[in-house]
Amino acid sequence: MNRFLISLGFFLSIFATPSLAQNTAKIEGQFQAWLQNDLWPEAKRSGVSKRKFDAAFKGVTLNWKLPDLVPPGTKAKISRPQAQSEFKSPARYFSPNNMNSVVASGKKLASKHKRLLARIEKKYGVPGRILLAIWGRESAFGRASIPHNAFQVLATKAFMSTRKELFRKEVLAALVIIDKGYASPSQMKSSWAGAMGQPQFLPSSYLEYAVDFDGDGKRNIWGSTGDTLASIANYLNKYGWQKGRDWGFEASIPTSVSCALEGPDQMRRISDWSKAGVTRISGKAFPANEQKKDGAILMPAGRSGPAFIATPNFYVIKKYNNSDLYALFVGNVADRIQFSNKPFQAGWQKVSGIKRHEVKRMQEALIAKGYDVGGADGLAGFKTRRSIGDWQQKNGLKPTCFPNTGLVKRF
């Protein structure tokens, strides 16, 4: 479920060419033909009735405002390369105003839905505070506007996006949802990326993970709090949530422990990290039930920001949205809802003067040297961070495990 947004003005600049404007009607015609001659036969093979198929696409036309579209007969164009954008500190993801608002609402809802959350945790093993944090992040606890027609979004992207096969699978799943009577076409409201309802599930995730917890016979992730929270819990449970374990702990990582040891594939017993000098930044000991279990170093800004010992549950949260910062947001909000209402104690240092294309160039250079950076995309994931740290160490530099202005000049 990854969510990246290109501003409408920027997007329109990509397609504001006379030739394309003249061909819009032609492309709309191609889209309608595609629906009937290409998508419908496959939907029929999936067991969808023609009546439900026609109901889903009644009045549906292409949505030209969506990002990442590649109309037939054109090539993908970007008027301003994304790689030229600024590379920013992770701090921007943790806006105090935003987090304080989510925490305040989460506390009220934790009290209001105390019994519901307890029943869900008993069945699925996922703490209520985690469910509330995800609910708050995804749809502002159901208050966020989710205005788009899912069939228009998914079909547009299946017809002419950079990831057509992905969205073809999802539009077919959406058709199965209405064919089986799980929802009506009018209920199928989604984000611009086709993610539906309060948990922001793609249709295939709805079919696999959505549950009817309120007992009304419907898996209503658009209007039922019980179904929404239980569906999130079922999702995390199916991805391996370990009952009784936390998501992680803010920690102090001494310089004697290399930041290049970061990553879920380098997990050790938390007691072993403790023996190496890793401590909780709060001054408390790691919980006794966690000591003999595995944890991983997590340093989202290298030595330039907070550090953590992350449990496998942290990486389960990442299955919901594959971002370290997303999972940290969820973890911190969850802790503040139930425990001490404090942000991360270590500060985030500012990043300035670096562009994403420079980070991408660093990644390409590291790949050429044999490093696995997780892909040259201009973003500093854990594989890029630890590769930087390892390279720094081998070249006589103090490992920071994060891009900086001086470092990018060496590549």
Protein backbone atom coordinates (compact mmCIF):
# COMPACT_ATOMS: atom_id res chain seq x y z
CA MET A 1 0.00 0.00 0.00
CA ASN A 2 2.96 2.79 -0.87
CA ARG A 3 1.57 6.47 -1.25
CA PHE A 4 3.43 9.14 -3.29
CA LEU A 5 1.69 12.28 -4.52
CA ILE A 6 2.61 14.58 -7.38
CA SER A 7 0.95 17.98 -7.16
CA LEU A 8 -1.85 18.61 -9.59
CA GLY A 9 -0.13 21.63 -11.12
CA PHE A 10 3.07 19.67 -11.71
CA PHE A 11 1.14 16.74 -13.16
CA LEU A 12 -0.85 18.88 -15.56
CA SER A 13 2.36 20.42 -16.85
CA ILE A 14 3.39 16.98 -18.07
CA PHE A 15 0.34 16.61 -20.29
CA ALA A 16 -0.38 20.17 -21.32
CA THR A 17 0.59 19.66 -24.96
CA PRO A 18 -1.66 20.58 -27.90
CA SER A 19 -1.30 17.14 -29.52
CA LEU A 20 -2.45 15.33 -26.42
CA ALA A 21 -5.35 17.73 -25.86
CA GLN A 22 -6.51 17.04 -29.40
CA ASN A 23 -6.27 13.30 -28.84
CA THR A 24 -8.13 13.22 -25.52
CA ALA A 25 -11.44 12.24 -27.10
CA LYS A 26 -9.70 9.52 -29.13
CA ILE A 27 -8.03 8.12 -26.03
CA GLU A 28 -11.34 8.18 -24.15
CA GLY A 29 -12.77 6.08 -26.95
CA GLN A 30 -9.86 3.66 -26.70
CA PHE A 31 -10.49 3.41 -22.97
CA GLN A 32 -14.16 2.50 -23.43
CA ALA A 33 -13.19 -0.11 -26.02
CA TRP A 34 -10.56 -1.48 -23.65
CA LEU A 35 -13.13 -1.85 -20.90
CA GLN A 36 -15.44 -3.92 -23.09
CA ASN A 37 -12.97 -5.85 -25.24
CA ASP A 38 -10.07 -6.40 -22.84
CA LEU A 39 -11.07 -5.98 -19.22
CA TRP A 40 -14.57 -7.47 -19.44
CA PRO A 41 -13.49 -10.88 -20.82
CA GLU A 42 -11.03 -11.29 -17.95
CA ALA A 43 -13.59 -10.13 -15.41
CA LYS A 44 -16.03 -12.68 -16.82
CA ARG A 45 -13.45 -15.43 -16.36
CA SER A 46 -13.18 -14.30 -12.72
CA GLY A 47 -16.89 -14.93 -12.29
CA VAL A 48 -18.07 -11.32 -12.46
CA SER A 49 -21.52 -10.82 -13.99
CA LYS A 50 -22.05 -8.43 -16.88
CA ARG A 51 -24.68 -6.61 -14.87
CA LYS A 52 -22.24 -5.86 -12.05
CA PHE A 53 -19.47 -4.99 -14.51
CA ASP A 54 -21.70 -2.46 -16.28
CA ALA A 55 -22.88 -1.02 -12.96
CA ALA A 56 -19.27 -0.50 -11.86
CA PHE A 57 -18.34 1.44 -14.99
CA LYS A 58 -21.56 3.31 -15.63
CA GLY A 59 -20.56 6.88 -16.48
CA VAL A 60 -16.87 6.20 -15.75
CA THR A 61 -14.36 8.11 -17.87
CA LEU A 62 -10.62 8.53 -17.57
CA ASN A 63 -9.33 10.58 -14.65
CA TRP A 64 -6.67 12.77 -16.24
CA LYS A 65 -5.69 14.35 -12.91
CA LEU A 66 -4.02 11.20 -11.58
CA PRO A 67 -0.21 10.99 -11.45
CA ASP A 68 2.02 8.56 -13.34
CA LEU A 69 -0.16 8.27 -16.45
CA VAL A 70 1.21 7.25 -19.83
CA PRO A 71 -1.50 7.76 -22.47
CA PRO A 72 -1.42 5.42 -25.49
CA GLY A 73 1.01 6.60 -28.12
CA THR A 74 3.09 8.68 -25.72
CA LYS A 75 6.12 8.08 -23.55
CA ALA A 76 6.34 8.76 -19.84
CA LYS A 77 7.42 12.36 -19.38
CA ILE A 78 8.52 14.33 -16.34
CA SER A 79 8.75 18.07 -16.85
CA ARG A 80 10.99 18.48 -13.82
CA PRO A 81 13.00 15.37 -12.90
CA GLN A 82 12.07 14.13 -9.45
CA ALA A 83 15.73 13.36 -8.84
CA GLN A 84 16.41 17.11 -8.73
CA SER A 85 14.20 17.55 -5.67
CA GLU A 86 15.71 18.27 -2.28
CA PHE A 87 16.87 15.42 -0.09
CA LYS A 88 15.31 16.17 3.29
CA SER A 89 15.76 15.15 6.88
CA PRO A 90 13.38 12.53 8.24
CA ALA A 91 12.32 15.15 10.81
CA ARG A 92 9.71 16.54 8.42
CA TYR A 93 7.74 13.30 8.75
CA PHE A 94 7.26 13.91 12.47
CA SER A 95 5.54 17.29 12.53
CA PRO A 96 4.75 18.01 16.21
CA ASN A 97 1.39 19.58 15.38
CA ASN A 98 0.33 16.59 13.30
CA MET A 99 1.55 14.01 15.79
CA ASN A 100 0.05 15.84 18.78
CA SER A 101 -3.30 15.96 17.02
CA VAL A 102 -3.25 12.24 16.19
CA VAL A 103 -2.20 11.36 19.74
CA ALA A 104 -4.91 13.53 21.33
CA SER A 105 -7.63 11.98 19.18
CA GLY A 106 -6.17 8.52 19.72
CA LYS A 107 -6.33 8.88 23.50
CA LYS A 108 -10.01 9.81 23.36
CA LEU A 109 -10.82 6.94 21.03
CA ALA A 110 -8.81 4.49 23.15
CA SER A 111 -11.15 5.29 26.02
CA LYS A 112 -14.29 5.30 23.89
CA HIS A 113 -13.51 1.95 22.22
CA LYS A 114 -11.77 0.28 25.15
CA ARG A 115 -13.93 -2.85 25.11
CA LEU A 116 -13.89 -3.15 21.33
CA LEU A 117 -10.11 -2.86 21.22
CA ALA A 118 -9.74 -5.45 23.98
CA ARG A 119 -11.89 -7.93 22.04
CA ILE A 120 -9.91 -7.35 18.87
CA GLU A 121 -6.58 -7.75 20.68
CA LYS A 122 -7.78 -10.97 22.27
CA LYS A 123 -8.61 -12.42 18.85
CA TYR A 124 -5.72 -11.13 16.76
CA GLY A 125 -2.99 -10.38 19.31
CA VAL A 126 -2.33 -6.82 18.10
CA PRO A 127 -2.45 -4.06 20.76
CA GLY A 128 -5.20 -1.50 20.38
CA ARG A 129 -2.74 1.39 20.49
CA ILE A 130 -1.09 0.12 17.27
CA LEU A 131 -4.47 -0.17 15.53
CA LEU A 132 -5.42 3.35 16.59
CA ALA A 133 -2.12 4.77 15.35
CA ILE A 134 -2.54 3.18 11.92
CA TRP A 135 -6.19 4.23 11.75
CA GLY A 136 -5.17 7.79 12.60
CA ARG A 137 -2.37 7.85 10.06
CA GLU A 138 -4.36 6.32 7.23
CA SER A 139 -7.65 8.21 7.45
CA ALA A 140 -7.57 10.53 10.46
CA PHE A 141 -9.74 8.02 12.32
CA GLY A 142 -12.25 7.94 9.50
CA ARG A 143 -12.55 11.71 9.21
CA ALA A 144 -10.39 12.15 6.11
CA SER A 145 -12.08 12.74 2.79
CA ILE A 146 -11.84 9.68 0.54
CA PRO A 147 -13.58 11.13 -2.50
CA HIS A 148 -12.59 9.14 -5.56
CA ASN A 149 -14.54 6.55 -7.47
CA ALA A 150 -12.37 3.46 -7.02
CA PHE A 151 -13.35 2.04 -10.39
CA GLN A 152 -12.40 5.23 -12.20
CA VAL A 153 -9.04 5.43 -10.42
CA LEU A 154 -8.15 1.77 -10.83
CA ALA A 155 -9.34 1.47 -14.40
CA THR A 156 -7.54 4.66 -15.45
CA LYS A 157 -4.31 3.35 -13.97
CA ALA A 158 -4.83 -0.15 -15.39
CA PHE A 159 -5.34 1.37 -18.84
CA MET A 160 -2.54 3.95 -18.91
CA SER A 161 -0.21 4.15 -15.94
CA THR A 162 3.41 3.25 -15.32
CA ARG A 163 2.23 0.19 -13.34
CA LYS A 164 -0.62 -1.12 -15.46
CA GLU A 165 -0.38 -4.77 -14.41
CA LEU A 166 -0.59 -3.92 -10.71
CA PHE A 167 -3.73 -1.87 -11.20
CA ARG A 168 -5.28 -4.38 -13.58
CA LYS A 169 -5.11 -6.91 -10.75
CA GLU A 170 -6.69 -4.40 -8.38
CA VAL A 171 -9.55 -3.35 -10.65
CA LEU A 172 -10.42 -7.02 -11.16
CA ALA A 173 -10.38 -7.50 -7.38
CA ALA A 174 -12.67 -4.48 -7.00
CA LEU A 175 -15.11 -6.07 -9.45
CA VAL A 176 -15.12 -9.28 -7.40
CA ILE A 177 -15.97 -7.23 -4.30
CA ILE A 178 -19.17 -5.84 -5.80
CA ASP A 179 -20.06 -9.05 -7.61
CA LYS A 180 -20.04 -10.95 -4.31
CA GLY A 181 -22.12 -8.23 -2.68
CA TYR A 182 -19.48 -7.17 -0.17
CA ALA A 183 -20.03 -3.54 -1.19
CA SER A 184 -22.01 -1.53 -3.72
CA PRO A 185 -20.35 0.49 -6.50
CA SER A 186 -21.36 3.70 -4.71
CA GLN A 187 -19.56 2.56 -1.56
CA MET A 188 -16.31 1.95 -3.41
CA LYS A 189 -14.61 5.21 -2.53
CA SER A 190 -10.84 5.37 -2.64
CA SER A 191 -7.79 7.58 -2.56
CA TRP A 192 -6.11 8.76 -5.76
CA ALA A 193 -4.03 5.54 -5.56
CA GLY A 194 -7.07 3.26 -5.31
CA ALA A 195 -6.71 2.52 -1.58
CA MET A 196 -10.16 2.12 -0.06
CA GLY A 197 -11.92 3.02 3.12
CA GLN A 198 -10.66 3.88 6.57
CA PRO A 199 -7.81 1.32 6.63
CA GLN A 200 -6.83 2.31 3.07
CA PHE A 201 -6.82 -1.22 1.67
CA LEU A 202 -6.28 -1.92 -1.99
CA PRO A 203 -9.07 -4.21 -3.30
CA SER A 204 -6.89 -7.33 -3.21
CA SER A 205 -6.05 -6.60 0.43
CA TYR A 206 -9.74 -6.12 1.17
CA LEU A 207 -10.53 -9.56 -0.22
CA GLU A 208 -7.75 -11.17 1.80
CA TYR A 209 -7.78 -9.28 5.09
CA ALA A 210 -11.04 -7.35 5.63
CA VAL A 211 -13.31 -8.90 8.26
CA ASP A 212 -16.84 -8.49 9.56
CA PHE A 213 -16.27 -7.86 13.25
CA ASP A 214 -19.50 -6.07 14.11
CA GLY A 215 -21.56 -9.05 12.97
CA ASP A 216 -23.79 -7.34 10.43
CA GLY A 217 -22.74 -9.64 7.59
CA LYS A 218 -20.71 -6.96 5.77
CA ARG A 219 -16.98 -6.24 5.74
CA ASN A 220 -17.59 -2.52 5.92
CA ILE A 221 -14.25 -0.71 6.03
CA TRP A 222 -15.93 2.52 4.95
CA GLY A 223 -18.37 3.01 7.81
CA SER A 224 -17.80 0.46 10.59
CA THR A 225 -15.26 1.19 13.32
CA GLY A 226 -15.24 -2.45 14.42
CA ASP A 227 -14.66 -3.78 10.93
CA THR A 228 -12.00 -1.16 10.27
CA LEU A 229 -9.93 -1.85 13.39
CA ALA A 230 -10.33 -5.63 13.21
CA SER A 231 -9.35 -5.63 9.53
CA ILE A 232 -6.14 -3.76 10.34
CA ALA A 233 -5.47 -6.25 13.15
CA ASN A 234 -6.13 -9.22 10.87
CA TYR A 235 -3.73 -7.77 8.28
CA LEU A 236 -0.92 -7.43 10.84
CA ASN A 237 -1.68 -10.81 12.35
CA LYS A 238 -1.50 -12.55 8.98
CA TYR A 239 1.87 -10.89 8.33
CA GLY A 240 3.30 -12.37 11.50
CA TRP A 241 2.65 -10.00 14.41
CA GLN A 242 4.28 -11.51 17.50
CA LYS A 243 1.83 -11.32 20.38
CA GLY A 244 3.25 -9.89 23.58
CA ARG A 245 6.17 -8.13 21.92
CA ASP A 246 6.66 -4.40 21.49
CA TRP A 247 7.49 -2.74 18.16
CA GLY A 248 10.82 -1.33 19.37
CA PHE A 249 12.65 1.01 21.73
CA GLU A 250 14.47 4.30 21.24
CA ALA A 251 18.09 3.54 22.04
CA SER A 252 21.57 4.95 22.41
CA ILE A 253 23.99 3.23 20.03
CA PRO A 254 27.63 3.79 21.09
CA THR A 255 30.25 4.47 18.43
CA SER A 256 31.79 1.11 19.29
CA VAL A 257 28.74 -0.47 17.63
CA SER A 258 28.94 0.27 13.91
CA CYS A 259 25.95 1.94 12.32
CA ALA A 260 26.65 -0.39 9.37
CA LEU A 261 25.13 -3.19 11.49
CA GLU A 262 21.67 -1.79 10.85
CA GLY A 263 18.95 -3.90 9.28
CA PRO A 264 16.50 -6.74 9.92
CA ASP A 265 18.88 -9.23 8.32
CA GLN A 266 21.43 -8.47 11.05
CA MET A 267 19.23 -9.11 14.06
CA ARG A 268 20.74 -10.26 17.34
CA ARG A 269 19.36 -11.06 20.74
CA ILE A 270 18.52 -7.82 22.49
CA SER A 271 20.63 -9.04 25.44
CA ASP A 272 23.61 -9.22 23.05
CA TRP A 273 23.05 -5.63 21.94
CA SER A 274 22.94 -4.68 25.63
CA LYS A 275 26.26 -6.42 26.24
CA ALA A 276 27.72 -4.43 23.34
CA GLY A 277 26.74 -1.19 25.07
CA VAL A 278 23.36 -0.44 23.51
CA THR A 279 20.97 1.07 26.06
CA ARG A 280 17.46 2.49 26.07
CA ILE A 281 17.58 6.26 25.84
CA SER A 282 14.99 6.46 28.61
CA GLY A 283 17.47 4.90 31.02
CA LYS A 284 15.19 1.94 31.65
CA ALA A 285 16.34 -1.61 31.03
CA PHE A 286 14.99 -3.51 28.05
CA PRO A 287 11.96 -5.52 29.24
CA ALA A 288 12.83 -8.95 30.60
CA ASN A 289 10.57 -10.71 28.10
CA GLU A 290 12.46 -9.04 25.23
CA GLN A 291 16.01 -9.77 26.38
CA LYS A 292 16.32 -13.23 24.84
CA LYS A 293 14.49 -12.30 21.66
CA ASP A 294 15.84 -10.77 18.47
CA GLY A 295 16.02 -7.10 17.63
CA ALA A 296 17.65 -5.01 14.93
CA ILE A 297 19.49 -1.70 14.96
CA LEU A 298 17.43 0.98 13.24
CA MET A 299 19.02 4.36 12.46
CA PRO A 300 16.74 6.22 10.01
CA ALA A 301 19.09 9.22 9.90
CA GLY A 302 22.31 7.37 10.62
CA ARG A 303 24.27 9.13 13.36
CA SER A 304 22.26 12.29 12.64
CA GLY A 305 19.07 11.35 14.46
CA PRO A 306 17.31 8.99 16.86
CA ALA A 307 18.31 5.34 16.94
CA PHE A 308 16.26 2.30 17.88
CA ILE A 309 16.24 -1.39 18.59
CA ALA A 310 13.42 -2.64 16.40
CA THR A 311 11.65 -5.95 16.98
CA PRO A 312 10.17 -8.11 14.21
CA ASN A 313 6.85 -6.36 14.85
CA PHE A 314 8.35 -3.13 13.50
CA TYR A 315 8.87 -4.88 10.18
CA VAL A 316 5.30 -6.21 10.29
CA ILE A 317 4.10 -2.59 10.49
CA LYS A 318 6.26 -1.94 7.42
CA LYS A 319 4.17 -4.52 5.56
CA TYR A 320 1.35 -2.03 5.86
CA ASN A 321 3.49 0.73 4.36
CA ASN A 322 7.07 -0.09 3.40
CA SER A 323 8.67 2.91 5.05
CA ASP A 324 10.84 3.10 8.16
CA LEU A 325 9.43 6.53 8.91
CA TYR A 326 5.83 5.36 8.57
CA ALA A 327 6.44 2.50 11.01
CA LEU A 328 8.23 4.85 13.44
CA PHE A 329 5.33 7.30 13.25
CA VAL A 330 2.91 4.48 14.07
CA GLY A 331 5.09 3.16 16.90
CA ASN A 332 5.63 6.54 18.53
CA VAL A 333 1.98 7.58 18.26
CA ALA A 334 0.91 4.21 19.68
CA ASP A 335 3.24 4.58 22.66
CA ARG A 336 2.07 8.12 23.29
CA ILE A 337 -1.57 7.05 23.18
CA GLN A 338 -1.10 4.44 25.90
CA PHE A 339 2.04 5.41 27.80
CA SER A 340 4.07 8.59 28.16
CA ASN A 341 3.08 11.32 25.72
CA LYS A 342 6.63 12.11 24.62
CA PRO A 343 8.17 12.40 21.15
CA PHE A 344 11.48 10.75 20.37
CA GLN A 345 14.06 12.12 22.78
CA ALA A 346 16.98 12.43 20.36
CA GLY A 347 16.73 15.25 17.85
CA TRP A 348 16.96 15.12 14.06
CA GLN A 349 19.82 17.08 12.53
CA LYS A 350 18.99 19.21 9.52
CA VAL A 351 19.96 18.13 6.04
CA SER A 352 20.72 20.94 3.62
CA GLY A 353 22.26 21.44 0.24
CA ILE A 354 21.74 17.88 -1.01
CA LYS A 355 19.61 16.92 -3.98
CA ARG A 356 18.09 13.53 -4.62
CA HIS A 357 20.03 13.12 -7.84
CA GLU A 358 23.24 13.44 -5.80
CA VAL A 359 22.12 10.69 -3.44
CA LYS A 360 21.20 8.59 -6.46
CA ARG A 361 24.69 9.16 -7.88
CA MET A 362 26.17 7.98 -4.58
CA GLN A 363 24.01 4.87 -4.73
CA GLU A 364 25.09 4.12 -8.29
CA ALA A 365 28.74 4.50 -7.29
CA LEU A 366 28.25 2.18 -4.32
CA ILE A 367 26.53 -0.38 -6.54
CA ALA A 368 29.52 -0.25 -8.88
CA LYS A 369 31.73 -1.05 -5.88
CA GLY A 370 29.65 -4.13 -5.09
CA TYR A 371 27.32 -2.73 -2.42
CA ASP A 372 23.64 -3.65 -2.16
CA VAL A 373 21.94 -0.30 -1.59
CA GLY A 374 18.42 -1.54 -2.25
CA GLY A 375 18.15 0.35 -5.55
CA ALA A 376 19.34 3.72 -6.84
CA ASP A 377 16.29 5.87 -6.13
CA GLY A 378 17.73 8.89 -4.32
CA LEU A 379 16.26 7.73 -1.00
CA ALA A 380 18.35 6.54 1.93
CA GLY A 381 16.85 3.23 3.02
CA PHE A 382 18.63 1.03 5.53
CA LYS A 383 20.66 -0.75 2.83
CA THR A 384 21.92 2.57 1.50
CA ARG A 385 22.63 3.88 5.01
CA ARG A 386 24.70 0.91 6.09
CA SER A 387 26.52 0.78 2.73
CA ILE A 388 27.54 4.40 3.25
CA GLY A 389 28.77 3.56 6.74
CA ASP A 390 30.75 0.56 5.57
CA TRP A 391 32.34 2.58 2.74
CA GLN A 392 33.22 5.40 5.15
CA GLN A 393 34.83 2.99 7.57
CA LYS A 394 36.92 1.33 4.84
CA ASN A 395 38.09 4.72 3.62
CA GLY A 396 39.22 6.06 6.97
CA LEU A 397 36.18 8.24 7.61
CA LYS A 398 34.03 8.40 10.71
CA PRO A 399 30.91 6.36 9.84
CA THR A 400 27.76 8.47 9.78
CA CYS A 401 25.61 6.11 7.70
CA PHE A 402 23.76 9.02 6.11
CA PRO A 403 24.34 11.35 3.15
CA ASN A 404 25.81 14.77 3.88
CA THR A 405 27.13 17.64 1.79
CA GLY A 406 30.80 16.70 2.19
CA LEU A 407 30.16 13.06 1.46
CA VAL A 408 28.29 13.55 -1.81
CA LYS A 409 31.31 15.41 -3.21
CA ARG A 410 33.37 12.23 -2.93
CA PHE A 411 31.18 10.42 -5.44
